[in-house]
Amino acid sequence: MRDEPNGRRAFLLSLVAAGASWPARTARGAIERIAVQPDGGSRIDVFRSLPLYRGVRATVFVRGAGVEKCQRIELGDVVVPEQAIRRTPRSLVFEIAPAESAPLGERDLRLRYAIEVGGPETFPARVLRNGEVRSVEPRSVPLNEVVTLTFTGTEIGNADVLASSAVRSARVLPGGTETRCQVEAFFIRPGPVEVPLYDRDGIPRPAARADVPGGYRRLPAAIVEVKGASR
């Protein structure tokens, strides 16, 4: 019986010794930097919330200490399995695509590990509209005058207007719907002009080239022809 305390002490010491190495073996990763590249667009760094667009596959790049140990990635009910994650030291690359009918709004991108203390590593994400602008009326407008444009398309009910060197001021008028949007604009450059719309709840979807505006896809019938000589 006198040996029992010593045996118990030795057992507890062995647990402590084993536990001292747990963090090194099982610590989850720590996201330090994240970027995204939607299909058909350029790669952009993300600082506040990961923008994901309905029905658009995106490649996500994650950097941080230990993130390569991630076994599964989740965004709501969308799961990226382990075999679809490309790993190098301190980095992950994977693809994710919200459904065309995915609910809009905030999500948590979750990096899951074999053993998690305090839950998964998370990064805020937002599902945004993937609008398409199909037409505009009037197609031809005067230079240096305030005009009202009526755009039609899909998923344009929460639109805002990207800044453009061809437009001194532009604002979306109230009363729009998911298929119709009115914009008041003052054009200062003649010729064909694209008026780029995007979902005001997030950043615009980036374009593939630097000389093309980002935002919603625009069909040729949605390009405005500005008439007149510049002053």
C-alpha atoms as a PDB file:
ATOM      1  CA  MET A   1       0.000   0.000   0.000  1.00  0.00           C
ATOM      2  CA  ARG A   2       2.933   2.314   0.651  1.00  0.00           C
ATOM      3  CA  ASP A   3       3.937   2.072  -3.010  1.00  0.00           C
ATOM      4  CA  GLU A   4       0.497   3.193  -4.299  1.00  0.00           C
ATOM      5  CA  PRO A   5       1.095   6.981  -3.998  1.00  0.00           C
ATOM      6  CA  ASN A   6       4.391   6.637  -5.841  1.00  0.00           C
ATOM      7  CA  GLY A   7       2.732   4.592  -8.587  1.00  0.00           C
ATOM      8  CA  ARG A   8      -0.096   7.106  -8.952  1.00  0.00           C
ATOM      9  CA  ARG A   9       2.401   9.978  -9.044  1.00  0.00           C
ATOM     10  CA  ALA A  10       4.397   8.241 -11.755  1.00  0.00           C
ATOM     11  CA  PHE A  11       1.220   7.686 -13.763  1.00  0.00           C
ATOM     12  CA  LEU A  12       0.228  11.357 -13.489  1.00  0.00           C
ATOM     13  CA  LEU A  13       3.732  12.468 -14.430  1.00  0.00           C
ATOM     14  CA  SER A  14       3.593  10.272 -17.520  1.00  0.00           C
ATOM     15  CA  LEU A  15       0.294  11.915 -18.549  1.00  0.00           C
ATOM     16  CA  VAL A  16       1.776  15.389 -18.098  1.00  0.00           C
ATOM     17  CA  ALA A  17       4.832  14.440 -20.108  1.00  0.00           C
ATOM     18  CA  ALA A  18       2.679  13.069 -22.922  1.00  0.00           C
ATOM     19  CA  GLY A  19       0.392  16.111 -22.823  1.00  0.00           C
ATOM     20  CA  ALA A  20       3.336  18.466 -23.185  1.00  0.00           C
ATOM     21  CA  SER A  21       3.792  17.293 -26.758  1.00  0.00           C
ATOM     22  CA  TRP A  22       0.079  17.493 -27.792  1.00  0.00           C
ATOM     23  CA  PRO A  23       0.066  21.093 -29.032  1.00  0.00           C
ATOM     24  CA  ALA A  24       2.993  20.434 -31.381  1.00  0.00           C
ATOM     25  CA  ARG A  25       1.204  17.422 -32.879  1.00  0.00           C
ATOM     26  CA  THR A  26      -2.406  18.604 -32.997  1.00  0.00           C
ATOM     27  CA  ALA A  27      -2.445  22.427 -33.097  1.00  0.00           C
ATOM     28  CA  ARG A  28      -4.791  23.751 -35.791  1.00  0.00           C
ATOM     29  CA  GLY A  29      -3.527  26.149 -38.409  1.00  0.00           C
ATOM     30  CA  ALA A  30      -3.645  29.924 -38.299  1.00  0.00           C
ATOM     31  CA  ILE A  31      -4.822  31.819 -41.395  1.00  0.00           C
ATOM     32  CA  GLU A  32      -2.514  34.735 -42.165  1.00  0.00           C
ATOM     33  CA  ARG A  33      -3.484  35.586 -45.729  1.00  0.00           C
ATOM     34  CA  ILE A  34      -6.247  34.579 -48.124  1.00  0.00           C
ATOM     35  CA  ALA A  35      -6.904  35.293 -51.816  1.00  0.00           C
ATOM     36  CA  VAL A  36      -9.560  34.246 -54.324  1.00  0.00           C
ATOM     37  CA  GLN A  37      -9.785  33.891 -58.104  1.00  0.00           C
ATOM     38  CA  PRO A  38     -13.285  33.412 -59.548  1.00  0.00           C
ATOM     39  CA  ASP A  39     -13.553  31.559 -62.855  1.00  0.00           C
ATOM     40  CA  GLY A  40     -12.985  34.052 -65.644  1.00  0.00           C
ATOM     41  CA  GLY A  41     -11.497  36.670 -63.328  1.00  0.00           C
ATOM     42  CA  SER A  42      -8.196  37.761 -61.857  1.00  0.00           C
ATOM     43  CA  ARG A  43      -6.805  36.824 -58.458  1.00  0.00           C
ATOM     44  CA  ILE A  44      -7.383  39.286 -55.612  1.00  0.00           C
ATOM     45  CA  ASP A  45      -6.286  39.419 -51.975  1.00  0.00           C
ATOM     46  CA  VAL A  46      -9.080  39.353 -49.393  1.00  0.00           C
ATOM     47  CA  PHE A  47      -8.874  41.310 -46.151  1.00  0.00           C
ATOM     48  CA  ARG A  48     -12.330  41.330 -44.530  1.00  0.00           C
ATOM     49  CA  SER A  49     -14.657  38.764 -46.075  1.00  0.00           C
ATOM     50  CA  LEU A  50     -14.163  36.141 -48.770  1.00  0.00           C
ATOM     51  CA  PRO A  51     -16.428  37.059 -51.739  1.00  0.00           C
ATOM     52  CA  LEU A  52     -18.106  34.076 -53.402  1.00  0.00           C
ATOM     53  CA  TYR A  53     -20.596  34.438 -56.242  1.00  0.00           C
ATOM     54  CA  ARG A  54     -23.629  32.244 -56.843  1.00  0.00           C
ATOM     55  CA  GLY A  55     -22.948  29.519 -59.370  1.00  0.00           C
ATOM     56  CA  VAL A  56     -19.311  30.586 -59.904  1.00  0.00           C
ATOM     57  CA  ARG A  57     -16.442  28.243 -59.118  1.00  0.00           C
ATOM     58  CA  ALA A  58     -13.593  30.004 -57.346  1.00  0.00           C
ATOM     59  CA  THR A  59     -10.051  28.999 -56.464  1.00  0.00           C
ATOM     60  CA  VAL A  60      -9.125  29.971 -52.899  1.00  0.00           C
ATOM     61  CA  PHE A  61      -5.529  30.411 -51.722  1.00  0.00           C
ATOM     62  CA  VAL A  62      -4.803  30.236 -47.974  1.00  0.00           C
ATOM     63  CA  ARG A  63      -1.473  30.905 -46.287  1.00  0.00           C
ATOM     64  CA  GLY A  64      -0.599  30.487 -42.632  1.00  0.00           C
ATOM     65  CA  ALA A  65       1.329  28.454 -40.111  1.00  0.00           C
ATOM     66  CA  GLY A  66       0.076  24.867 -40.021  1.00  0.00           C
ATOM     67  CA  VAL A  67      -2.813  25.285 -42.460  1.00  0.00           C
ATOM     68  CA  GLU A  68      -1.471  22.414 -44.581  1.00  0.00           C
ATOM     69  CA  LYS A  69      -2.663  20.053 -41.812  1.00  0.00           C
ATOM     70  CA  CYS A  70      -6.292  20.870 -42.662  1.00  0.00           C
ATOM     71  CA  GLN A  71      -8.276  17.732 -43.514  1.00  0.00           C
ATOM     72  CA  ARG A  72     -11.591  19.192 -44.664  1.00  0.00           C
ATOM     73  CA  ILE A  73     -13.002  22.573 -45.626  1.00  0.00           C
ATOM     74  CA  GLU A  74     -16.626  23.623 -45.165  1.00  0.00           C
ATOM     75  CA  LEU A  75     -18.758  26.548 -46.307  1.00  0.00           C
ATOM     76  CA  GLY A  76     -22.246  25.976 -44.947  1.00  0.00           C
ATOM     77  CA  ASP A  77     -23.353  22.669 -46.460  1.00  0.00           C
ATOM     78  CA  VAL A  78     -20.640  22.787 -49.138  1.00  0.00           C
ATOM     79  CA  VAL A  79     -17.749  20.481 -48.246  1.00  0.00           C
ATOM     80  CA  VAL A  80     -14.302  20.322 -49.854  1.00  0.00           C
ATOM     81  CA  PRO A  81     -12.978  16.812 -49.140  1.00  0.00           C
ATOM     82  CA  GLU A  82      -9.391  16.194 -48.109  1.00  0.00           C
ATOM     83  CA  GLN A  83      -8.373  14.696 -51.462  1.00  0.00           C
ATOM     84  CA  ALA A  84      -9.411  17.901 -53.275  1.00  0.00           C
ATOM     85  CA  ILE A  85      -7.100  20.135 -51.211  1.00  0.00           C
ATOM     86  CA  ARG A  86      -3.666  20.946 -52.635  1.00  0.00           C
ATOM     87  CA  ARG A  87      -1.071  21.430 -49.906  1.00  0.00           C
ATOM     88  CA  THR A  88       2.418  22.831 -49.601  1.00  0.00           C
ATOM     89  CA  PRO A  89       4.126  23.979 -46.397  1.00  0.00           C
ATOM     90  CA  ARG A  90       2.116  26.876 -44.920  1.00  0.00           C
ATOM     91  CA  SER A  91      -0.416  26.933 -47.765  1.00  0.00           C
ATOM     92  CA  LEU A  92      -3.637  25.429 -49.102  1.00  0.00           C
ATOM     93  CA  VAL A  93      -5.293  25.729 -52.517  1.00  0.00           C
ATOM     94  CA  PHE A  94      -8.820  24.481 -53.185  1.00  0.00           C
ATOM     95  CA  GLU A  95     -11.894  25.171 -55.281  1.00  0.00           C
ATOM     96  CA  ILE A  96     -15.352  25.980 -54.005  1.00  0.00           C
ATOM     97  CA  ALA A  97     -18.611  26.857 -55.775  1.00  0.00           C
ATOM     98  CA  PRO A  98     -21.845  28.030 -54.113  1.00  0.00           C
ATOM     99  CA  ALA A  99     -24.925  26.729 -55.904  1.00  0.00           C
ATOM    100  CA  GLU A 100     -26.870  29.086 -58.168  1.00  0.00           C
ATOM    101  CA  SER A 101     -29.688  28.896 -55.608  1.00  0.00           C
ATOM    102  CA  ALA A 102     -27.424  29.345 -52.552  1.00  0.00           C
ATOM    103  CA  PRO A 103     -28.853  31.740 -49.943  1.00  0.00           C
ATOM    104  CA  LEU A 104     -27.219  35.147 -50.030  1.00  0.00           C
ATOM    105  CA  GLY A 105     -25.327  36.511 -47.075  1.00  0.00           C
ATOM    106  CA  GLU A 106     -22.646  35.734 -44.551  1.00  0.00           C
ATOM    107  CA  ARG A 107     -21.030  32.353 -43.978  1.00  0.00           C
ATOM    108  CA  ASP A 108     -18.017  30.993 -42.146  1.00  0.00           C
ATOM    109  CA  LEU A 109     -15.331  29.279 -44.173  1.00  0.00           C
ATOM    110  CA  ARG A 110     -14.180  26.542 -41.778  1.00  0.00           C
ATOM    111  CA  LEU A 111     -10.871  24.702 -41.863  1.00  0.00           C
ATOM    112  CA  ARG A 112     -11.264  21.395 -40.041  1.00  0.00           C
ATOM    113  CA  TYR A 113      -8.418  19.453 -38.423  1.00  0.00           C
ATOM    114  CA  ALA A 114      -8.086  15.950 -37.011  1.00  0.00           C
ATOM    115  CA  ILE A 115      -8.108  17.309 -33.453  1.00  0.00           C
ATOM    116  CA  GLU A 116      -9.495  20.752 -32.702  1.00  0.00           C
ATOM    117  CA  VAL A 117      -9.148  22.631 -29.444  1.00  0.00           C
ATOM    118  CA  GLY A 118     -11.686  25.454 -29.353  1.00  0.00           C
ATOM    119  CA  GLY A 119     -13.276  24.637 -32.707  1.00  0.00           C
ATOM    120  CA  PRO A 120     -12.168  24.946 -36.354  1.00  0.00           C
ATOM    121  CA  GLU A 121     -10.177  27.793 -37.849  1.00  0.00           C
ATOM    122  CA  THR A 122     -12.696  30.174 -39.486  1.00  0.00           C
ATOM    123  CA  PHE A 123     -12.668  33.080 -41.932  1.00  0.00           C
ATOM    124  CA  PRO A 124     -15.745  35.201 -42.799  1.00  0.00           C
ATOM    125  CA  ALA A 125     -17.221  34.736 -46.270  1.00  0.00           C
ATOM    126  CA  ARG A 126     -20.216  36.178 -48.102  1.00  0.00           C
ATOM    127  CA  VAL A 127     -22.302  34.719 -50.925  1.00  0.00           C
ATOM    128  CA  LEU A 128     -23.077  37.468 -53.446  1.00  0.00           C
ATOM    129  CA  ARG A 129     -25.311  37.870 -56.485  1.00  0.00           C
ATOM    130  CA  ASN A 130     -23.871  36.785 -59.818  1.00  0.00           C
ATOM    131  CA  GLY A 131     -25.812  39.296 -61.889  1.00  0.00           C
ATOM    132  CA  GLU A 132     -25.993  39.633 -65.655  1.00  0.00           C
ATOM    133  CA  VAL A 133     -26.897  42.912 -67.389  1.00  0.00           C
ATOM    134  CA  ARG A 134     -28.633  42.081 -70.670  1.00  0.00           C
ATOM    135  CA  SER A 135     -29.864  45.390 -72.076  1.00  0.00           C
ATOM    136  CA  VAL A 136     -30.106  49.141 -71.495  1.00  0.00           C
ATOM    137  CA  GLU A 137     -32.523  51.840 -72.609  1.00  0.00           C
ATOM    138  CA  PRO A 138     -31.810  54.265 -74.116  1.00  0.00           C
ATOM    139  CA  ARG A 139     -28.836  52.791 -75.953  1.00  0.00           C
ATOM    140  CA  SER A 140     -27.685  56.225 -77.203  1.00  0.00           C
ATOM    141  CA  VAL A 141     -27.300  59.164 -74.766  1.00  0.00           C
ATOM    142  CA  PRO A 142     -25.942  62.737 -74.968  1.00  0.00           C
ATOM    143  CA  LEU A 143     -22.632  63.888 -73.555  1.00  0.00           C
ATOM    144  CA  ASN A 144     -22.444  66.233 -70.554  1.00  0.00           C
ATOM    145  CA  GLU A 145     -26.078  65.815 -69.549  1.00  0.00           C
ATOM    146  CA  VAL A 146     -27.790  63.952 -66.737  1.00  0.00           C
ATOM    147  CA  VAL A 147     -29.542  60.887 -68.161  1.00  0.00           C
ATOM    148  CA  THR A 148     -31.553  58.034 -66.672  1.00  0.00           C
ATOM    149  CA  LEU A 149     -30.680  54.543 -67.894  1.00  0.00           C
ATOM    150  CA  THR A 150     -32.889  51.500 -67.423  1.00  0.00           C
ATOM    151  CA  PHE A 151     -30.964  48.221 -67.248  1.00  0.00           C
ATOM    152  CA  THR A 152     -32.591  44.806 -67.446  1.00  0.00           C
ATOM    153  CA  GLY A 153     -31.049  41.487 -66.521  1.00  0.00           C
ATOM    154  CA  THR A 154     -30.917  38.928 -63.730  1.00  0.00           C
ATOM    155  CA  GLU A 155     -29.943  39.308 -60.067  1.00  0.00           C
ATOM    156  CA  ILE A 156     -29.448  43.082 -60.292  1.00  0.00           C
ATOM    157  CA  GLY A 157     -31.796  44.002 -57.441  1.00  0.00           C
ATOM    158  CA  ASN A 158     -29.049  45.149 -55.054  1.00  0.00           C
ATOM    159  CA  ALA A 159     -26.853  46.879 -57.614  1.00  0.00           C
ATOM    160  CA  ASP A 160     -24.401  49.703 -57.197  1.00  0.00           C
ATOM    161  CA  VAL A 161     -22.223  51.360 -59.864  1.00  0.00           C
ATOM    162  CA  LEU A 162     -18.453  51.019 -60.118  1.00  0.00           C
ATOM    163  CA  ALA A 163     -16.471  54.221 -60.595  1.00  0.00           C
ATOM    164  CA  SER A 164     -15.541  54.941 -64.218  1.00  0.00           C
ATOM    165  CA  SER A 165     -13.398  57.538 -65.962  1.00  0.00           C
ATOM    166  CA  ALA A 166     -16.217  57.987 -68.487  1.00  0.00           C
ATOM    167  CA  VAL A 167     -18.803  59.009 -65.875  1.00  0.00           C
ATOM    168  CA  ARG A 168     -18.561  62.014 -63.575  1.00  0.00           C
ATOM    169  CA  SER A 169     -21.343  60.779 -61.321  1.00  0.00           C
ATOM    170  CA  ALA A 170     -23.692  57.812 -61.291  1.00  0.00           C
ATOM    171  CA  ARG A 171     -26.193  56.552 -58.785  1.00  0.00           C
ATOM    172  CA  VAL A 172     -28.764  53.781 -58.646  1.00  0.00           C
ATOM    173  CA  LEU A 173     -32.305  55.088 -58.244  1.00  0.00           C
ATOM    174  CA  PRO A 174     -34.641  53.474 -55.694  1.00  0.00           C
ATOM    175  CA  GLY A 175     -37.389  51.085 -56.728  1.00  0.00           C
ATOM    176  CA  GLY A 176     -35.388  48.516 -58.671  1.00  0.00           C
ATOM    177  CA  THR A 177     -36.094  44.776 -58.832  1.00  0.00           C
ATOM    178  CA  GLU A 178     -33.978  41.690 -59.471  1.00  0.00           C
ATOM    179  CA  THR A 179     -34.601  42.129 -63.221  1.00  0.00           C
ATOM    180  CA  ARG A 180     -34.722  45.932 -63.580  1.00  0.00           C
ATOM    181  CA  CYS A 181     -32.432  48.717 -62.359  1.00  0.00           C
ATOM    182  CA  GLN A 182     -32.394  52.458 -63.099  1.00  0.00           C
ATOM    183  CA  VAL A 183     -29.173  54.492 -62.995  1.00  0.00           C
ATOM    184  CA  GLU A 184     -28.813  58.269 -63.166  1.00  0.00           C
ATOM    185  CA  ALA A 185     -25.514  59.182 -64.840  1.00  0.00           C
ATOM    186  CA  PHE A 186     -23.547  62.106 -66.286  1.00  0.00           C
ATOM    187  CA  PHE A 187     -21.195  61.024 -69.097  1.00  0.00           C
ATOM    188  CA  ILE A 188     -18.028  63.037 -69.823  1.00  0.00           C
ATOM    189  CA  ARG A 189     -16.496  60.870 -72.561  1.00  0.00           C
ATOM    190  CA  PRO A 190     -17.991  60.071 -75.976  1.00  0.00           C
ATOM    191  CA  GLY A 191     -18.072  56.619 -77.518  1.00  0.00           C
ATOM    192  CA  PRO A 192     -19.163  53.202 -76.254  1.00  0.00           C
ATOM    193  CA  VAL A 193     -19.214  53.038 -72.459  1.00  0.00           C
ATOM    194  CA  GLU A 194     -19.767  50.105 -70.126  1.00  0.00           C
ATOM    195  CA  VAL A 195     -21.611  51.007 -66.930  1.00  0.00           C
ATOM    196  CA  PRO A 196     -20.438  48.309 -64.517  1.00  0.00           C
ATOM    197  CA  LEU A 197     -22.905  47.162 -61.871  1.00  0.00           C
ATOM    198  CA  TYR A 198     -22.169  44.910 -58.903  1.00  0.00           C
ATOM    199  CA  ASP A 199     -23.746  43.630 -55.673  1.00  0.00           C
ATOM    200  CA  ARG A 200     -23.346  46.459 -53.163  1.00  0.00           C
ATOM    201  CA  ASP A 201     -23.059  43.938 -50.300  1.00  0.00           C
ATOM    202  CA  GLY A 202     -19.558  42.938 -51.385  1.00  0.00           C
ATOM    203  CA  ILE A 203     -16.639  43.725 -53.635  1.00  0.00           C
ATOM    204  CA  PRO A 204     -17.149  43.534 -57.417  1.00  0.00           C
ATOM    205  CA  ARG A 205     -16.313  40.307 -59.172  1.00  0.00           C
ATOM    206  CA  PRO A 206     -12.861  40.977 -60.698  1.00  0.00           C
ATOM    207  CA  ALA A 207     -12.433  41.025 -64.457  1.00  0.00           C
ATOM    208  CA  ALA A 208      -9.947  38.851 -66.323  1.00  0.00           C
ATOM    209  CA  ARG A 209      -8.031  41.851 -67.720  1.00  0.00           C
ATOM    210  CA  ALA A 210      -7.012  45.155 -66.180  1.00  0.00           C
ATOM    211  CA  ASP A 211      -8.564  47.149 -69.052  1.00  0.00           C
ATOM    212  CA  VAL A 212     -12.042  45.648 -68.536  1.00  0.00           C
ATOM    213  CA  PRO A 213     -14.370  46.783 -65.729  1.00  0.00           C
ATOM    214  CA  GLY A 214     -15.296  44.149 -63.189  1.00  0.00           C
ATOM    215  CA  GLY A 215     -18.699  43.530 -61.665  1.00  0.00           C
ATOM    216  CA  TYR A 216     -21.638  41.823 -63.333  1.00  0.00           C
ATOM    217  CA  ARG A 217     -21.364  40.316 -66.779  1.00  0.00           C
ATOM    218  CA  ARG A 218     -22.603  42.722 -69.453  1.00  0.00           C
ATOM    219  CA  LEU A 219     -23.964  41.632 -72.813  1.00  0.00           C
ATOM    220  CA  PRO A 220     -23.306  43.825 -75.902  1.00  0.00           C
ATOM    221  CA  ALA A 221     -26.867  45.158 -75.762  1.00  0.00           C
ATOM    222  CA  ALA A 222     -26.070  46.696 -72.354  1.00  0.00           C
ATOM    223  CA  ILE A 223     -23.288  48.993 -73.636  1.00  0.00           C
ATOM    224  CA  VAL A 224     -24.168  52.704 -73.826  1.00  0.00           C
ATOM    225  CA  GLU A 225     -23.176  54.820 -76.842  1.00  0.00           C
ATOM    226  CA  VAL A 226     -22.404  58.397 -75.730  1.00  0.00           C
ATOM    227  CA  LYS A 227     -22.898  60.934 -78.544  1.00  0.00           C
ATOM    228  CA  GLY A 228     -21.318  64.371 -78.887  1.00  0.00           C
ATOM    229  CA  ALA A 229     -17.961  66.128 -78.730  1.00  0.00           C
ATOM    230  CA  SER A 230     -16.184  66.447 -75.383  1.00  0.00           C
ATOM    231  CA  ARG A 231     -15.601  69.951 -74.033  1.00  0.00           C
END
